C-alpha atoms as a PDB file:
ATOM      1  CA  MET A   1     117.413  95.129 133.480  1.00  0.00           C
ATOM      2  CA  VAL A   2     118.467  91.529 133.881  1.00  0.00           C
ATOM      3  CA  LEU A   3     121.887  90.305 134.343  1.00  0.00           C
ATOM      4  CA  SER A   4     122.683  89.300 131.013  1.00  0.00           C
ATOM      5  CA  GLN A   5     122.064  92.970 129.907  1.00  0.00           C
ATOM      6  CA  ILE A   6     124.100  94.348 132.711  1.00  0.00           C
ATOM      7  CA  VAL A   7     126.859  92.231 131.356  1.00  0.00           C
ATOM      8  CA  GLY A   8     126.145  93.111 127.938  1.00  0.00           C
ATOM      9  CA  CYS A   9     126.639  96.678 128.935  1.00  0.00           C
ATOM     10  CA  ILE A  10     129.609  96.321 130.999  1.00  0.00           C
ATOM     11  CA  ALA A  11     131.133  94.096 127.986  1.00  0.00           C
ATOM     12  CA  ALA A  12     130.270  97.031 125.442  1.00  0.00           C
ATOM     13  CA  PHE A  13     132.005  99.862 127.666  1.00  0.00           C
ATOM     14  CA  PHE A  14     135.603  98.169 127.649  1.00  0.00           C
ATOM     15  CA  ASN A  15     134.916  97.331 123.711  1.00  0.00           C
ATOM     16  CA  ALA A  16     134.105 100.784 123.204  1.00  0.00           C
ATOM     17  CA  VAL A  17     137.122 102.056 125.286  1.00  0.00           C
ATOM     18  CA  THR A  18     139.461  99.145 123.657  1.00  0.00           C
ATOM     19  CA  PHE A  19     141.386 101.416 121.350  1.00  0.00           C
ATOM     20  CA  VAL A  20     141.725 104.670 123.902  1.00  0.00           C
ATOM     21  CA  PRO A  21     144.792 103.906 125.303  1.00  0.00           C
ATOM     22  CA  GLN A  22     146.390 103.247 121.734  1.00  0.00           C
ATOM     23  CA  VAL A  23     145.036 106.615 120.212  1.00  0.00           C
ATOM     24  CA  CYS A  24     145.983 108.611 123.409  1.00  0.00           C
ATOM     25  CA  LYS A  25     149.713 107.393 122.990  1.00  0.00           C
ATOM     26  CA  THR A  26     150.180 107.959 119.383  1.00  0.00           C
ATOM     27  CA  TRP A  27     148.638 111.115 119.884  1.00  0.00           C
ATOM     28  CA  LYS A  28     150.620 111.985 122.866  1.00  0.00           C
ATOM     29  CA  THR A  29     154.191 110.718 121.682  1.00  0.00           C
ATOM     30  CA  LYS A  30     153.113 111.647 117.836  1.00  0.00           C
ATOM     31  CA  SER A  31     154.831 108.304 116.729  1.00  0.00           C
ATOM     32  CA  ALA A  32     152.981 105.313 114.846  1.00  0.00           C
ATOM     33  CA  GLY A  33     155.917 103.217 114.158  1.00  0.00           C
ATOM     34  CA  ASP A  34     154.667 100.045 115.815  1.00  0.00           C
ATOM     35  CA  VAL A  35     151.154 100.666 114.970  1.00  0.00           C
ATOM     36  CA  SER A  36     149.771  98.290 112.410  1.00  0.00           C
ATOM     37  CA  ILE A  37     147.462 100.154 109.965  1.00  0.00           C
ATOM     38  CA  GLN A  38     146.045  96.537 109.214  1.00  0.00           C
ATOM     39  CA  MET A  39     144.555  95.853 112.232  1.00  0.00           C
ATOM     40  CA  PHE A  40     142.998  99.196 112.535  1.00  0.00           C
ATOM     41  CA  ILE A  41     141.920  98.900 108.961  1.00  0.00           C
ATOM     42  CA  ILE A  42     139.999  95.154 109.820  1.00  0.00           C
ATOM     43  CA  SER A  43     138.711  97.138 113.077  1.00  0.00           C
ATOM     44  CA  THR A  44     136.960 100.117 111.325  1.00  0.00           C
ATOM     45  CA  THR A  45     135.479  97.286 108.582  1.00  0.00           C
ATOM     46  CA  ASN A  46     134.273  95.452 111.465  1.00  0.00           C
ATOM     47  CA  ALA A  47     132.849  98.278 113.455  1.00  0.00           C
ATOM     48  CA  SER A  48     131.222  99.454 110.663  1.00  0.00           C
ATOM     49  CA  LEU A  49     129.653  95.870 109.803  1.00  0.00           C
ATOM     50  CA  TRP A  50     128.485  95.619 113.707  1.00  0.00           C
ATOM     51  CA  SER A  51     127.028  99.208 113.601  1.00  0.00           C
ATOM     52  CA  ILE A  52     125.047  98.686 110.655  1.00  0.00           C
ATOM     53  CA  TYR A  53     124.157  95.503 111.973  1.00  0.00           C
ATOM     54  CA  GLY A  54     122.750  97.282 115.417  1.00  0.00           C
ATOM     55  CA  ILE A  55     121.055  99.684 113.055  1.00  0.00           C
ATOM     56  CA  GLY A  56     119.189  96.744 111.113  1.00  0.00           C
ATOM     57  CA  ILE A  57     117.853  95.075 114.373  1.00  0.00           C
ATOM     58  CA  ASN A  58     117.493  98.180 116.495  1.00  0.00           C
ATOM     59  CA  ASP A  59     119.930  97.523 119.260  1.00  0.00           C
ATOM     60  CA  PRO A  60     121.495 100.903 120.645  1.00  0.00           C
ATOM     61  CA  ILE A  61     123.877  98.983 122.652  1.00  0.00           C
ATOM     62  CA  VAL A  62     125.382  97.340 119.834  1.00  0.00           C
ATOM     63  CA  TYR A  63     125.391 100.314 117.166  1.00  0.00           C
ATOM     64  CA  THR A  64     126.257 103.081 119.737  1.00  0.00           C
ATOM     65  CA  VAL A  65     129.551 101.142 120.405  1.00  0.00           C
ATOM     66  CA  ASN A  66     130.615  99.987 117.525  1.00  0.00           C
ATOM     67  CA  THR A  67     130.289 103.318 116.028  1.00  0.00           C
ATOM     68  CA  ILE A  68     132.635 104.558 119.048  1.00  0.00           C
ATOM     69  CA  VAL A  69     135.213 101.655 118.186  1.00  0.00           C
ATOM     70  CA  PHE A  70     134.796 103.015 114.478  1.00  0.00           C
ATOM     71  CA  LEU A  71     135.738 106.412 115.229  1.00  0.00           C
ATOM     72  CA  LEU A  72     138.391 105.468 117.446  1.00  0.00           C
ATOM     73  CA  SER A  73     139.503 103.281 114.583  1.00  0.00           C
ATOM     74  CA  VAL A  74     139.693 105.776 112.072  1.00  0.00           C
ATOM     75  CA  SER A  75     140.890 108.269 114.495  1.00  0.00           C
ATOM     76  CA  GLN A  76     144.491 105.965 114.495  1.00  0.00           C
ATOM     77  CA  ILE A  77     144.165 105.582 111.309  1.00  0.00           C
ATOM     78  CA  ILE A  78     144.625 109.139 110.527  1.00  0.00           C
ATOM     79  CA  LEU A  79     147.065 109.515 113.616  1.00  0.00           C
ATOM     80  CA  LYS A  80     149.286 106.469 111.889  1.00  0.00           C
ATOM     81  CA  VAL A  81     149.523 107.827 108.321  1.00  0.00           C
ATOM     82  CA  LYS A  82     150.046 111.488 109.397  1.00  0.00           C
ATOM     83  CA  TYR A  83     152.769 110.805 111.744  1.00  0.00           C
ATOM     84  CA  ASP A  84     154.321 107.938 109.775  1.00  0.00           C
ATOM     85  CA  ARG A  85     154.111 110.874 106.685  1.00  0.00           C
ATOM     86  CA  ALA A  86     155.739 113.620 109.667  1.00  0.00           C
ATOM     87  CA  ASN A  87     158.601 111.134 110.823  1.00  0.00           C
ATOM     88  CA  LYS A  88     159.715 110.351 106.943  1.00  0.00           C
ATOM     89  CA  LYS A  89     160.804 114.038 106.612  1.00  0.00           C
END
C-alpha cells in the first residue's frame, strides 16, 4: 500500500465517522431541536451519489465509506423527525 492509499484510508475512516457523535447525542438526549435536517438531507444525497460513483468505478473505499455516511445521515433524519414530533406533543 502506497502512502496516498494510506492517507485515503485514514481520510475515509474520519469521513465515515463524521456523524457518529451527532447521531449518538441525538439518540441519548432524545432531542434534535438544533439539528439541521436540510444538512442531513444534503449529506444523504451526497453520500448516495458518491456510493453509486464508487460502485461504478469499482472502488470499495469510496462506496463503503459513503454507504456508512448515508446510513448515519438517514439515521439522523429519522431521529430528527421522531424527536421533533415527540417534543411537539
